[in-house]
């Protein structure tokens, strides 16, 4: 464990006092970034990270000893949380158990999560008003091992074109890794299974328009290693990906950062880190600020899904992970 070199600090935020212990503990050894640096980063993008997390069950990726130690995937709220920390109950049929997950209404909850050693914040695509009815459709462009980011850029252009044809506004962001995400607000009328079906139908249409660039093959062994996998399964129940403005557990503390569609052509994801995103946020504001302005109907995509299921019943993937 990296030793602390300073006393605990108190951070006043959103009407709460959050005690931050071991603020000088180094979380990112390669760049020397500390727990306090992580707190300061999230404070600098507060409006954006709260918008991305607001009212969603949130899994924390915790690094109690920094990146040099083990990562903990925390669903159940840790014991000892202040009484003001809000949660949402989520039932897991596989385990026949209900878990209370962190539910963020304000920035104090984010700072508290960092105090609990959370680096990454992974929200559901539904909100506590109805956890079983997603209001967010996620398009995850996941490059296979032999795929460069230039190919991700090409596929993103096809995604943008198709969304425009459907009259749907998508909000892109870097993944903080090698891929790209596009988020779409949808009317919360369908369950996770139908949202996943719609996402698969969209992915297959992208594949038709970009043959050789895209794969939707279910089994990893069947995917072209030089293609981009449009990962529709990120819309399955209890599948989460890093929120907009979430730091990632990478050596340089990259950020899953909102970008404009015009930026897709030349963005360098590795350049978006806790050291660079605060200035960008101060200059540009939250590029996802209008994401809640309109919710889209996925009925056309469900019609595509029904067509594909009728015409190619043998090609339908199972539920779960490949």
C-alpha atoms as a PDB file:
ATOM      1  CA  UNK A   1       0.000   0.000   0.000  1.00  0.00           C
ATOM      2  CA  UNK A   2       1.268   3.467  -0.884  1.00  0.00           C
ATOM      3  CA  UNK A   3       1.679   5.395   2.369  1.00  0.00           C
ATOM      4  CA  UNK A   4      -0.136   8.641   2.988  1.00  0.00           C
ATOM      5  CA  UNK A   5       1.981  11.753   3.270  1.00  0.00           C
ATOM      6  CA  UNK A   6      -0.641  14.074   4.642  1.00  0.00           C
ATOM      7  CA  UNK A   7      -3.593  14.317   7.025  1.00  0.00           C
ATOM      8  CA  UNK A   8      -7.212  13.860   6.011  1.00  0.00           C
ATOM      9  CA  UNK A   9      -8.862  16.827   4.313  1.00  0.00           C
ATOM     10  CA  UNK A  10     -12.445  18.028   4.327  1.00  0.00           C
ATOM     11  CA  UNK A  11     -14.102  19.032   1.074  1.00  0.00           C
ATOM     12  CA  UNK A  12     -17.294  21.074   1.186  1.00  0.00           C
ATOM     13  CA  UNK A  13     -19.450  20.337  -1.845  1.00  0.00           C
ATOM     14  CA  UNK A  14     -23.184  20.399  -2.646  1.00  0.00           C
ATOM     15  CA  UNK A  15     -24.087  21.162   0.953  1.00  0.00           C
ATOM     16  CA  UNK A  16     -22.099  18.297   2.451  1.00  0.00           C
ATOM     17  CA  UNK A  17     -18.706  17.914   4.069  1.00  0.00           C
ATOM     18  CA  UNK A  18     -16.781  14.962   2.634  1.00  0.00           C
ATOM     19  CA  UNK A  19     -13.776  13.763   4.580  1.00  0.00           C
ATOM     20  CA  UNK A  20     -11.008  12.681   2.201  1.00  0.00           C
ATOM     21  CA  UNK A  21      -8.494  10.455   3.952  1.00  0.00           C
ATOM     22  CA  UNK A  22      -4.966   9.876   2.611  1.00  0.00           C
ATOM     23  CA  UNK A  23      -5.260  12.662  -0.001  1.00  0.00           C
ATOM     24  CA  UNK A  24      -1.598  12.280  -0.993  1.00  0.00           C
ATOM     25  CA  UNK A  25      -1.828   8.569  -1.720  1.00  0.00           C
ATOM     26  CA  UNK A  26      -0.567   8.042  -5.263  1.00  0.00           C
ATOM     27  CA  UNK A  27      -3.216   6.378  -7.403  1.00  0.00           C
ATOM     28  CA  UNK A  28      -1.461   6.680 -10.781  1.00  0.00           C
ATOM     29  CA  UNK A  29       2.255   5.929 -10.256  1.00  0.00           C
ATOM     30  CA  UNK A  30       3.251   6.640 -13.854  1.00  0.00           C
ATOM     31  CA  UNK A  31       2.150  10.275 -13.644  1.00  0.00           C
ATOM     32  CA  UNK A  32       2.242  10.733  -9.868  1.00  0.00           C
ATOM     33  CA  UNK A  33      -1.449  11.656  -9.638  1.00  0.00           C
ATOM     34  CA  UNK A  34      -2.920  11.344  -6.144  1.00  0.00           C
ATOM     35  CA  UNK A  35      -6.291  10.772  -4.577  1.00  0.00           C
ATOM     36  CA  UNK A  36      -6.610  14.519  -4.073  1.00  0.00           C
ATOM     37  CA  UNK A  37      -5.806  15.075  -7.760  1.00  0.00           C
ATOM     38  CA  UNK A  38      -8.682  12.731  -8.586  1.00  0.00           C
ATOM     39  CA  UNK A  39     -11.033  14.694  -6.297  1.00  0.00           C
ATOM     40  CA  UNK A  40      -9.946  17.961  -7.905  1.00  0.00           C
ATOM     41  CA  UNK A  41     -10.509  16.528 -11.375  1.00  0.00           C
ATOM     42  CA  UNK A  42     -14.083  15.492 -10.610  1.00  0.00           C
ATOM     43  CA  UNK A  43     -14.776  18.875  -9.007  1.00  0.00           C
ATOM     44  CA  UNK A  44     -13.575  20.548 -12.214  1.00  0.00           C
ATOM     45  CA  UNK A  45     -16.046  18.616 -14.400  1.00  0.00           C
ATOM     46  CA  UNK A  46     -18.803  18.487 -11.798  1.00  0.00           C
ATOM     47  CA  UNK A  47     -21.727  19.511 -13.979  1.00  0.00           C
ATOM     48  CA  UNK A  48     -20.780  16.945 -16.611  1.00  0.00           C
ATOM     49  CA  UNK A  49     -20.147  13.957 -14.368  1.00  0.00           C
ATOM     50  CA  UNK A  50     -23.326  14.556 -12.362  1.00  0.00           C
ATOM     51  CA  UNK A  51     -25.369  14.804 -15.575  1.00  0.00           C
ATOM     52  CA  UNK A  52     -23.910  11.492 -16.729  1.00  0.00           C
ATOM     53  CA  UNK A  53     -24.671   9.735 -13.427  1.00  0.00           C
ATOM     54  CA  UNK A  54     -27.802  11.449 -12.158  1.00  0.00           C
ATOM     55  CA  UNK A  55     -30.363   9.043 -10.678  1.00  0.00           C
ATOM     56  CA  UNK A  56     -28.736   5.928 -12.177  1.00  0.00           C
ATOM     57  CA  UNK A  57     -27.595   2.855 -10.275  1.00  0.00           C
ATOM     58  CA  UNK A  58     -23.829   3.190 -10.337  1.00  0.00           C
ATOM     59  CA  UNK A  59     -21.139   0.559  -9.988  1.00  0.00           C
ATOM     60  CA  UNK A  60     -17.835   1.834  -8.639  1.00  0.00           C
ATOM     61  CA  UNK A  61     -14.505   0.522  -9.887  1.00  0.00           C
ATOM     62  CA  UNK A  62     -12.385   0.945  -6.764  1.00  0.00           C
ATOM     63  CA  UNK A  63      -8.611   0.867  -6.430  1.00  0.00           C
ATOM     64  CA  UNK A  64      -7.970   0.839  -2.656  1.00  0.00           C
ATOM     65  CA  UNK A  65      -4.201   0.791  -3.223  1.00  0.00           C
ATOM     66  CA  UNK A  66      -4.145   2.767  -6.448  1.00  0.00           C
ATOM     67  CA  UNK A  67      -3.454   1.215  -9.841  1.00  0.00           C
ATOM     68  CA  UNK A  68      -0.593  -0.768  -8.321  1.00  0.00           C
ATOM     69  CA  UNK A  69      -3.132  -2.856  -6.400  1.00  0.00           C
ATOM     70  CA  UNK A  70      -6.230  -4.850  -7.228  1.00  0.00           C
ATOM     71  CA  UNK A  71      -9.416  -3.427  -8.736  1.00  0.00           C
ATOM     72  CA  UNK A  72     -12.710  -4.001  -6.917  1.00  0.00           C
ATOM     73  CA  UNK A  73     -16.029  -3.949  -8.799  1.00  0.00           C
ATOM     74  CA  UNK A  74     -18.350  -2.536  -6.136  1.00  0.00           C
ATOM     75  CA  UNK A  75     -22.095  -2.837  -6.625  1.00  0.00           C
ATOM     76  CA  UNK A  76     -23.316  -2.969  -3.043  1.00  0.00           C
ATOM     77  CA  UNK A  77     -22.790   0.355  -1.265  1.00  0.00           C
ATOM     78  CA  UNK A  78     -19.862  -0.054   1.136  1.00  0.00           C
ATOM     79  CA  UNK A  79     -20.614  -0.102   4.853  1.00  0.00           C
ATOM     80  CA  UNK A  80     -20.101   3.075   6.812  1.00  0.00           C
ATOM     81  CA  UNK A  81     -21.496   5.456   4.190  1.00  0.00           C
ATOM     82  CA  UNK A  82     -22.847   8.763   5.552  1.00  0.00           C
ATOM     83  CA  UNK A  83     -26.605   8.801   6.006  1.00  0.00           C
ATOM     84  CA  UNK A  84     -26.982  11.346   3.201  1.00  0.00           C
ATOM     85  CA  UNK A  85     -25.551   9.023   0.541  1.00  0.00           C
ATOM     86  CA  UNK A  86     -28.408   7.906  -1.714  1.00  0.00           C
ATOM     87  CA  UNK A  87     -28.915   4.442  -3.160  1.00  0.00           C
ATOM     88  CA  UNK A  88     -31.297   2.556  -5.428  1.00  0.00           C
ATOM     89  CA  UNK A  89     -32.309  -1.090  -4.886  1.00  0.00           C
ATOM     90  CA  UNK A  90     -31.514  -3.419  -7.781  1.00  0.00           C
ATOM     91  CA  UNK A  91     -32.603  -7.062  -7.880  1.00  0.00           C
ATOM     92  CA  UNK A  92     -30.249  -9.673  -9.352  1.00  0.00           C
ATOM     93  CA  UNK A  93     -32.281 -12.752 -10.319  1.00  0.00           C
ATOM     94  CA  UNK A  94     -29.190 -14.924 -10.780  1.00  0.00           C
ATOM     95  CA  UNK A  95     -28.295 -14.502  -7.108  1.00  0.00           C
ATOM     96  CA  UNK A  96     -31.874 -13.945  -5.858  1.00  0.00           C
ATOM     97  CA  UNK A  97     -30.590 -10.898  -4.069  1.00  0.00           C
ATOM     98  CA  UNK A  98     -31.371  -7.198  -3.927  1.00  0.00           C
ATOM     99  CA  UNK A  99     -28.390  -4.857  -3.786  1.00  0.00           C
ATOM    100  CA  UNK A 100     -28.394  -1.162  -2.944  1.00  0.00           C
ATOM    101  CA  UNK A 101     -26.188   0.621  -5.474  1.00  0.00           C
ATOM    102  CA  UNK A 102     -24.887   4.164  -5.266  1.00  0.00           C
ATOM    103  CA  UNK A 103     -27.273   6.653  -6.888  1.00  0.00           C
ATOM    104  CA  UNK A 104     -25.773  10.069  -7.603  1.00  0.00           C
ATOM    105  CA  UNK A 105     -27.963  13.192  -7.276  1.00  0.00           C
ATOM    106  CA  UNK A 106     -25.121  15.692  -6.792  1.00  0.00           C
ATOM    107  CA  UNK A 107     -21.362  16.201  -6.809  1.00  0.00           C
ATOM    108  CA  UNK A 108     -20.906  15.371  -3.116  1.00  0.00           C
ATOM    109  CA  UNK A 109     -21.737  11.764  -3.955  1.00  0.00           C
ATOM    110  CA  UNK A 110     -18.993  11.677  -6.591  1.00  0.00           C
ATOM    111  CA  UNK A 111     -16.411  13.049  -4.166  1.00  0.00           C
ATOM    112  CA  UNK A 112     -17.549  10.514  -1.569  1.00  0.00           C
ATOM    113  CA  UNK A 113     -17.073   7.735  -4.141  1.00  0.00           C
ATOM    114  CA  UNK A 114     -13.495   8.929  -4.675  1.00  0.00           C
ATOM    115  CA  UNK A 115     -13.003   8.916  -0.910  1.00  0.00           C
ATOM    116  CA  UNK A 116     -14.016   5.246  -1.108  1.00  0.00           C
ATOM    117  CA  UNK A 117     -11.180   4.783  -3.658  1.00  0.00           C
ATOM    118  CA  UNK A 118     -13.408   4.810  -6.737  1.00  0.00           C
ATOM    119  CA  UNK A 119     -11.606   5.825  -9.906  1.00  0.00           C
ATOM    120  CA  UNK A 120     -14.131   4.759 -12.529  1.00  0.00           C
ATOM    121  CA  UNK A 121     -17.898   5.303 -12.298  1.00  0.00           C
ATOM    122  CA  UNK A 122     -20.102   2.976 -14.338  1.00  0.00           C
ATOM    123  CA  UNK A 123     -23.819   3.852 -14.403  1.00  0.00           C
ATOM    124  CA  UNK A 124     -26.732   1.788 -15.674  1.00  0.00           C
ATOM    125  CA  UNK A 125     -28.585   2.940 -18.787  1.00  0.00           C
ATOM    126  CA  UNK A 126     -31.761   3.322 -16.711  1.00  0.00           C
ATOM    127  CA  UNK A 127     -32.757   5.512 -13.776  1.00  0.00           C
ATOM    128  CA  UNK A 128     -34.175   4.806 -10.348  1.00  0.00           C
ATOM    129  CA  UNK A 129     -37.693   5.877 -11.385  1.00  0.00           C
ATOM    130  CA  UNK A 130     -37.827   2.569 -13.316  1.00  0.00           C
ATOM    131  CA  UNK A 131     -34.620   0.567 -13.322  1.00  0.00           C
ATOM    132  CA  UNK A 132     -36.136  -1.939 -15.765  1.00  0.00           C
ATOM    133  CA  UNK A 133     -36.904   0.655 -18.487  1.00  0.00           C
ATOM    134  CA  UNK A 134     -33.739   2.176 -19.987  1.00  0.00           C
ATOM    135  CA  UNK A 135     -33.732   5.786 -21.107  1.00  0.00           C
ATOM    136  CA  UNK A 136     -30.325   5.494 -22.775  1.00  0.00           C
ATOM    137  CA  UNK A 137     -29.196   3.458 -25.793  1.00  0.00           C
ATOM    138  CA  UNK A 138     -25.442   2.950 -25.963  1.00  0.00           C
ATOM    139  CA  UNK A 139     -23.518   2.372 -29.181  1.00  0.00           C
ATOM    140  CA  UNK A 140     -20.115   0.953 -28.281  1.00  0.00           C
ATOM    141  CA  UNK A 141     -17.519   0.854 -31.064  1.00  0.00           C
ATOM    142  CA  UNK A 142     -15.014  -1.670 -29.756  1.00  0.00           C
ATOM    143  CA  UNK A 143     -11.958  -2.254 -31.946  1.00  0.00           C
ATOM    144  CA  UNK A 144     -10.632  -5.801 -32.209  1.00  0.00           C
ATOM    145  CA  UNK A 145      -6.933  -6.445 -31.447  1.00  0.00           C
ATOM    146  CA  UNK A 146      -5.620  -5.643 -34.942  1.00  0.00           C
ATOM    147  CA  UNK A 147      -7.785  -2.565 -35.431  1.00  0.00           C
ATOM    148  CA  UNK A 148      -6.398   0.967 -35.312  1.00  0.00           C
ATOM    149  CA  UNK A 149      -8.385   3.990 -34.193  1.00  0.00           C
ATOM    150  CA  UNK A 150      -8.623   5.233 -37.787  1.00  0.00           C
ATOM    151  CA  UNK A 151     -11.004   2.370 -38.471  1.00  0.00           C
ATOM    152  CA  UNK A 152     -13.066   3.375 -35.436  1.00  0.00           C
ATOM    153  CA  UNK A 153     -13.285   6.853 -36.971  1.00  0.00           C
ATOM    154  CA  UNK A 154     -14.577   5.358 -40.243  1.00  0.00           C
ATOM    155  CA  UNK A 155     -17.243   3.321 -38.493  1.00  0.00           C
ATOM    156  CA  UNK A 156     -18.278   6.305 -36.381  1.00  0.00           C
ATOM    157  CA  UNK A 157     -18.958   8.231 -39.590  1.00  0.00           C
ATOM    158  CA  UNK A 158     -21.310   5.457 -40.743  1.00  0.00           C
ATOM    159  CA  UNK A 159     -23.039   5.474 -37.356  1.00  0.00           C
ATOM    160  CA  UNK A 160     -23.506   9.241 -37.549  1.00  0.00           C
ATOM    161  CA  UNK A 161     -24.925   9.027 -41.066  1.00  0.00           C
ATOM    162  CA  UNK A 162     -27.407   6.320 -40.075  1.00  0.00           C
ATOM    163  CA  UNK A 163     -28.532   8.183 -36.961  1.00  0.00           C
ATOM    164  CA  UNK A 164     -29.127  11.287 -39.084  1.00  0.00           C
ATOM    165  CA  UNK A 165     -31.271   9.259 -41.493  1.00  0.00           C
ATOM    166  CA  UNK A 166     -33.342   8.055 -38.538  1.00  0.00           C
ATOM    167  CA  UNK A 167     -33.689  11.590 -37.162  1.00  0.00           C
ATOM    168  CA  UNK A 168     -31.841  10.579 -34.009  1.00  0.00           C
ATOM    169  CA  UNK A 169     -29.324  12.761 -32.166  1.00  0.00           C
ATOM    170  CA  UNK A 170     -26.329  10.845 -30.850  1.00  0.00           C
ATOM    171  CA  UNK A 171     -23.732  12.174 -28.429  1.00  0.00           C
ATOM    172  CA  UNK A 172     -20.216  10.761 -28.955  1.00  0.00           C
ATOM    173  CA  UNK A 173     -17.453  10.352 -26.417  1.00  0.00           C
ATOM    174  CA  UNK A 174     -14.138   8.601 -26.242  1.00  0.00           C
ATOM    175  CA  UNK A 175     -14.114   5.430 -24.183  1.00  0.00           C
ATOM    176  CA  UNK A 176     -10.938   6.343 -22.341  1.00  0.00           C
ATOM    177  CA  UNK A 177      -9.414   3.332 -24.054  1.00  0.00           C
ATOM    178  CA  UNK A 178      -9.254   2.324 -27.711  1.00  0.00           C
ATOM    179  CA  UNK A 179     -12.895   2.749 -28.655  1.00  0.00           C
ATOM    180  CA  UNK A 180     -15.685   5.255 -29.032  1.00  0.00           C
ATOM    181  CA  UNK A 181     -19.156   5.443 -27.482  1.00  0.00           C
ATOM    182  CA  UNK A 182     -22.287   7.161 -28.770  1.00  0.00           C
ATOM    183  CA  UNK A 183     -25.191   7.765 -26.363  1.00  0.00           C
ATOM    184  CA  UNK A 184     -28.801   8.320 -27.391  1.00  0.00           C
ATOM    185  CA  UNK A 185     -31.637   9.307 -25.072  1.00  0.00           C
ATOM    186  CA  UNK A 186     -34.682   7.113 -25.661  1.00  0.00           C
ATOM    187  CA  UNK A 187     -38.239   7.087 -24.360  1.00  0.00           C
ATOM    188  CA  UNK A 188     -38.226   4.721 -21.338  1.00  0.00           C
ATOM    189  CA  UNK A 189     -41.008   2.487 -22.647  1.00  0.00           C
ATOM    190  CA  UNK A 190     -39.093  -0.749 -23.316  1.00  0.00           C
ATOM    191  CA  UNK A 191     -37.275  -3.254 -21.158  1.00  0.00           C
ATOM    192  CA  UNK A 192     -33.574  -4.047 -21.391  1.00  0.00           C
ATOM    193  CA  UNK A 193     -34.203  -6.985 -23.696  1.00  0.00           C
ATOM    194  CA  UNK A 194     -35.954  -4.859 -26.303  1.00  0.00           C
ATOM    195  CA  UNK A 195     -33.356  -2.090 -26.104  1.00  0.00           C
ATOM    196  CA  UNK A 196     -30.672  -4.723 -26.709  1.00  0.00           C
ATOM    197  CA  UNK A 197     -32.670  -6.075 -29.681  1.00  0.00           C
ATOM    198  CA  UNK A 198     -32.909  -2.566 -31.126  1.00  0.00           C
ATOM    199  CA  UNK A 199     -29.186  -2.024 -30.586  1.00  0.00           C
ATOM    200  CA  UNK A 200     -28.391  -5.285 -32.394  1.00  0.00           C
ATOM    201  CA  UNK A 201     -30.594  -4.340 -35.350  1.00  0.00           C
ATOM    202  CA  UNK A 202     -28.825  -0.990 -35.612  1.00  0.00           C
ATOM    203  CA  UNK A 203     -25.421  -2.676 -35.378  1.00  0.00           C
ATOM    204  CA  UNK A 204     -26.309  -5.065 -38.188  1.00  0.00           C
ATOM    205  CA  UNK A 205     -27.376  -2.191 -40.413  1.00  0.00           C
ATOM    206  CA  UNK A 206     -24.028  -0.497 -39.755  1.00  0.00           C
ATOM    207  CA  UNK A 207     -22.349  -3.794 -40.664  1.00  0.00           C
ATOM    208  CA  UNK A 208     -24.279  -3.954 -43.953  1.00  0.00           C
ATOM    209  CA  UNK A 209     -23.156  -0.441 -44.831  1.00  0.00           C
ATOM    210  CA  UNK A 210     -19.545  -0.996 -43.828  1.00  0.00           C
ATOM    211  CA  UNK A 211     -18.708  -4.571 -44.865  1.00  0.00           C
ATOM    212  CA  UNK A 212     -15.208  -5.529 -43.867  1.00  0.00           C
ATOM    213  CA  UNK A 213     -14.996  -2.702 -41.331  1.00  0.00           C
ATOM    214  CA  UNK A 214     -17.592  -3.920 -38.840  1.00  0.00           C
ATOM    215  CA  UNK A 215     -18.440  -7.179 -37.112  1.00  0.00           C
ATOM    216  CA  UNK A 216     -21.470  -8.152 -35.050  1.00  0.00           C
ATOM    217  CA  UNK A 217     -20.367 -11.781 -34.614  1.00  0.00           C
ATOM    218  CA  UNK A 218     -21.423 -13.069 -31.216  1.00  0.00           C
ATOM    219  CA  UNK A 219     -18.439 -15.282 -30.443  1.00  0.00           C
ATOM    220  CA  UNK A 220     -15.115 -13.516 -30.105  1.00  0.00           C
ATOM    221  CA  UNK A 221     -13.384 -16.307 -32.040  1.00  0.00           C
ATOM    222  CA  UNK A 222     -15.637 -15.534 -35.017  1.00  0.00           C
ATOM    223  CA  UNK A 223     -14.834 -11.824 -35.169  1.00  0.00           C
ATOM    224  CA  UNK A 224     -12.455 -10.423 -37.751  1.00  0.00           C
ATOM    225  CA  UNK A 225      -9.473  -9.230 -35.664  1.00  0.00           C
ATOM    226  CA  UNK A 226      -9.137  -6.172 -37.913  1.00  0.00           C
ATOM    227  CA  UNK A 227     -12.785  -5.099 -37.579  1.00  0.00           C
ATOM    228  CA  UNK A 228     -14.710  -2.911 -35.167  1.00  0.00           C
ATOM    229  CA  UNK A 229     -17.210  -4.796 -33.024  1.00  0.00           C
ATOM    230  CA  UNK A 230     -20.423  -2.803 -32.526  1.00  0.00           C
ATOM    231  CA  UNK A 231     -21.101  -4.099 -29.033  1.00  0.00           C
ATOM    232  CA  UNK A 232     -24.876  -4.120 -28.735  1.00  0.00           C
ATOM    233  CA  UNK A 233     -24.606  -6.233 -25.588  1.00  0.00           C
ATOM    234  CA  UNK A 234     -23.674  -3.124 -23.605  1.00  0.00           C
ATOM    235  CA  UNK A 235     -27.426  -2.517 -23.558  1.00  0.00           C
ATOM    236  CA  UNK A 236     -28.165  -5.751 -21.703  1.00  0.00           C
ATOM    237  CA  UNK A 237     -29.433  -5.521 -18.145  1.00  0.00           C
ATOM    238  CA  UNK A 238     -26.682  -4.773 -15.600  1.00  0.00           C
ATOM    239  CA  UNK A 239     -24.079  -4.085 -18.288  1.00  0.00           C
ATOM    240  CA  UNK A 240     -22.330  -0.813 -17.594  1.00  0.00           C
ATOM    241  CA  UNK A 241     -19.621   1.255 -19.227  1.00  0.00           C
ATOM    242  CA  UNK A 242     -17.668   4.233 -17.967  1.00  0.00           C
ATOM    243  CA  UNK A 243     -19.703   7.421 -17.683  1.00  0.00           C
ATOM    244  CA  UNK A 244     -18.976  10.553 -19.634  1.00  0.00           C
ATOM    245  CA  UNK A 245     -16.141  12.313 -17.765  1.00  0.00           C
ATOM    246  CA  UNK A 246     -15.235   9.178 -15.811  1.00  0.00           C
ATOM    247  CA  UNK A 247     -11.513   8.682 -15.304  1.00  0.00           C
ATOM    248  CA  UNK A 248     -10.287   5.268 -16.415  1.00  0.00           C
ATOM    249  CA  UNK A 249      -7.896   2.995 -14.583  1.00  0.00           C
ATOM    250  CA  UNK A 250      -5.091   3.502 -17.104  1.00  0.00           C
ATOM    251  CA  UNK A 251      -1.494   4.485 -16.301  1.00  0.00           C
ATOM    252  CA  UNK A 252      -1.997   8.027 -17.609  1.00  0.00           C
ATOM    253  CA  UNK A 253      -5.508   8.497 -16.135  1.00  0.00           C
ATOM    254  CA  UNK A 254      -7.306   8.862 -19.439  1.00  0.00           C
ATOM    255  CA  UNK A 255     -10.884  10.144 -19.430  1.00  0.00           C
ATOM    256  CA  UNK A 256     -14.002   8.953 -21.218  1.00  0.00           C
ATOM    257  CA  UNK A 257     -14.533  12.383 -22.702  1.00  0.00           C
ATOM    258  CA  UNK A 258     -17.425  13.859 -24.701  1.00  0.00           C
ATOM    259  CA  UNK A 259     -16.426  15.138 -28.129  1.00  0.00           C
ATOM    260  CA  UNK A 260     -18.243  16.707 -31.067  1.00  0.00           C
ATOM    261  CA  UNK A 261     -18.934  14.770 -34.242  1.00  0.00           C
ATOM    262  CA  UNK A 262     -16.520  17.093 -36.047  1.00  0.00           C
ATOM    263  CA  UNK A 263     -13.766  16.053 -33.642  1.00  0.00           C
ATOM    264  CA  UNK A 264     -14.083  12.355 -34.469  1.00  0.00           C
ATOM    265  CA  UNK A 265     -11.852  12.784 -37.519  1.00  0.00           C
ATOM    266  CA  UNK A 266      -8.800  13.912 -35.568  1.00  0.00           C
ATOM    267  CA  UNK A 267      -9.336  13.343 -31.840  1.00  0.00           C
ATOM    268  CA  UNK A 268      -6.507  11.574 -30.024  1.00  0.00           C
ATOM    269  CA  UNK A 269      -8.130   9.746 -27.107  1.00  0.00           C
ATOM    270  CA  UNK A 270      -4.841   9.281 -25.263  1.00  0.00           C
ATOM    271  CA  UNK A 271      -4.502  13.067 -25.003  1.00  0.00           C
ATOM    272  CA  UNK A 272      -7.714  13.367 -22.966  1.00  0.00           C
ATOM    273  CA  UNK A 273      -6.642  12.833 -19.351  1.00  0.00           C
ATOM    274  CA  UNK A 274      -7.209  14.252 -15.873  1.00  0.00           C
ATOM    275  CA  UNK A 275      -4.427  16.706 -16.702  1.00  0.00           C
ATOM    276  CA  UNK A 276      -6.021  18.068 -19.899  1.00  0.00           C
ATOM    277  CA  UNK A 277      -9.793  17.648 -19.634  1.00  0.00           C
ATOM    278  CA  UNK A 278     -10.369  20.276 -16.895  1.00  0.00           C
ATOM    279  CA  UNK A 279      -9.098  23.086 -19.135  1.00  0.00           C
ATOM    280  CA  UNK A 280     -11.118  21.689 -22.040  1.00  0.00           C
ATOM    281  CA  UNK A 281     -14.252  21.566 -19.869  1.00  0.00           C
ATOM    282  CA  UNK A 282     -13.707  25.139 -18.657  1.00  0.00           C
ATOM    283  CA  UNK A 283     -13.362  26.263 -22.277  1.00  0.00           C
ATOM    284  CA  UNK A 284     -16.108  24.213 -23.962  1.00  0.00           C
ATOM    285  CA  UNK A 285     -18.472  23.320 -21.134  1.00  0.00           C
ATOM    286  CA  UNK A 286     -20.276  20.003 -21.138  1.00  0.00           C
ATOM    287  CA  UNK A 287     -20.668  18.813 -24.727  1.00  0.00           C
ATOM    288  CA  UNK A 288     -23.470  16.528 -23.512  1.00  0.00           C
ATOM    289  CA  UNK A 289     -25.358  19.405 -21.878  1.00  0.00           C
ATOM    290  CA  UNK A 290     -28.347  18.995 -24.214  1.00  0.00           C
ATOM    291  CA  UNK A 291     -28.524  15.207 -24.138  1.00  0.00           C
ATOM    292  CA  UNK A 292     -31.770  15.291 -22.148  1.00  0.00           C
ATOM    293  CA  UNK A 293     -33.483  17.742 -24.495  1.00  0.00           C
ATOM    294  CA  UNK A 294     -35.133  15.024 -26.592  1.00  0.00           C
ATOM    295  CA  UNK A 295     -35.895  11.334 -26.129  1.00  0.00           C
ATOM    296  CA  UNK A 296     -36.154   9.180 -29.238  1.00  0.00           C
ATOM    297  CA  UNK A 297     -38.516   6.344 -30.130  1.00  0.00           C
ATOM    298  CA  UNK A 298     -36.778   3.038 -30.925  1.00  0.00           C
ATOM    299  CA  UNK A 299     -39.861   1.585 -32.681  1.00  0.00           C
ATOM    300  CA  UNK A 300     -38.157   1.716 -36.124  1.00  0.00           C
ATOM    301  CA  UNK A 301     -35.209  -0.246 -34.766  1.00  0.00           C
ATOM    302  CA  UNK A 302     -37.515  -2.816 -33.173  1.00  0.00           C
ATOM    303  CA  UNK A 303     -39.176  -3.239 -36.582  1.00  0.00           C
ATOM    304  CA  UNK A 304     -35.728  -3.935 -38.040  1.00  0.00           C
ATOM    305  CA  UNK A 305     -35.106  -6.398 -35.212  1.00  0.00           C
ATOM    306  CA  UNK A 306     -38.372  -8.255 -35.939  1.00  0.00           C
ATOM    307  CA  UNK A 307     -37.428  -8.458 -39.623  1.00  0.00           C
ATOM    308  CA  UNK A 308     -33.974  -9.851 -38.839  1.00  0.00           C
ATOM    309  CA  UNK A 309     -35.386 -12.361 -36.368  1.00  0.00           C
ATOM    310  CA  UNK A 310     -37.928 -13.527 -38.953  1.00  0.00           C
ATOM    311  CA  UNK A 311     -35.502 -13.754 -41.857  1.00  0.00           C
ATOM    312  CA  UNK A 312     -32.470 -15.089 -39.969  1.00  0.00           C
ATOM    313  CA  UNK A 313     -33.630 -16.881 -36.803  1.00  0.00           C
ATOM    314  CA  UNK A 314     -30.426 -18.916 -36.720  1.00  0.00           C
ATOM    315  CA  UNK A 315     -28.314 -15.757 -36.370  1.00  0.00           C
ATOM    316  CA  UNK A 316     -29.850 -14.453 -33.167  1.00  0.00           C
ATOM    317  CA  UNK A 317     -27.364 -14.235 -30.278  1.00  0.00           C
ATOM    318  CA  UNK A 318     -28.137 -15.638 -26.835  1.00  0.00           C
ATOM    319  CA  UNK A 319     -28.554 -13.477 -23.773  1.00  0.00           C
ATOM    320  CA  UNK A 320     -25.455 -12.863 -21.675  1.00  0.00           C
ATOM    321  CA  UNK A 321     -21.789 -12.497 -22.517  1.00  0.00           C
ATOM    322  CA  UNK A 322     -19.896 -13.969 -25.441  1.00  0.00           C
END
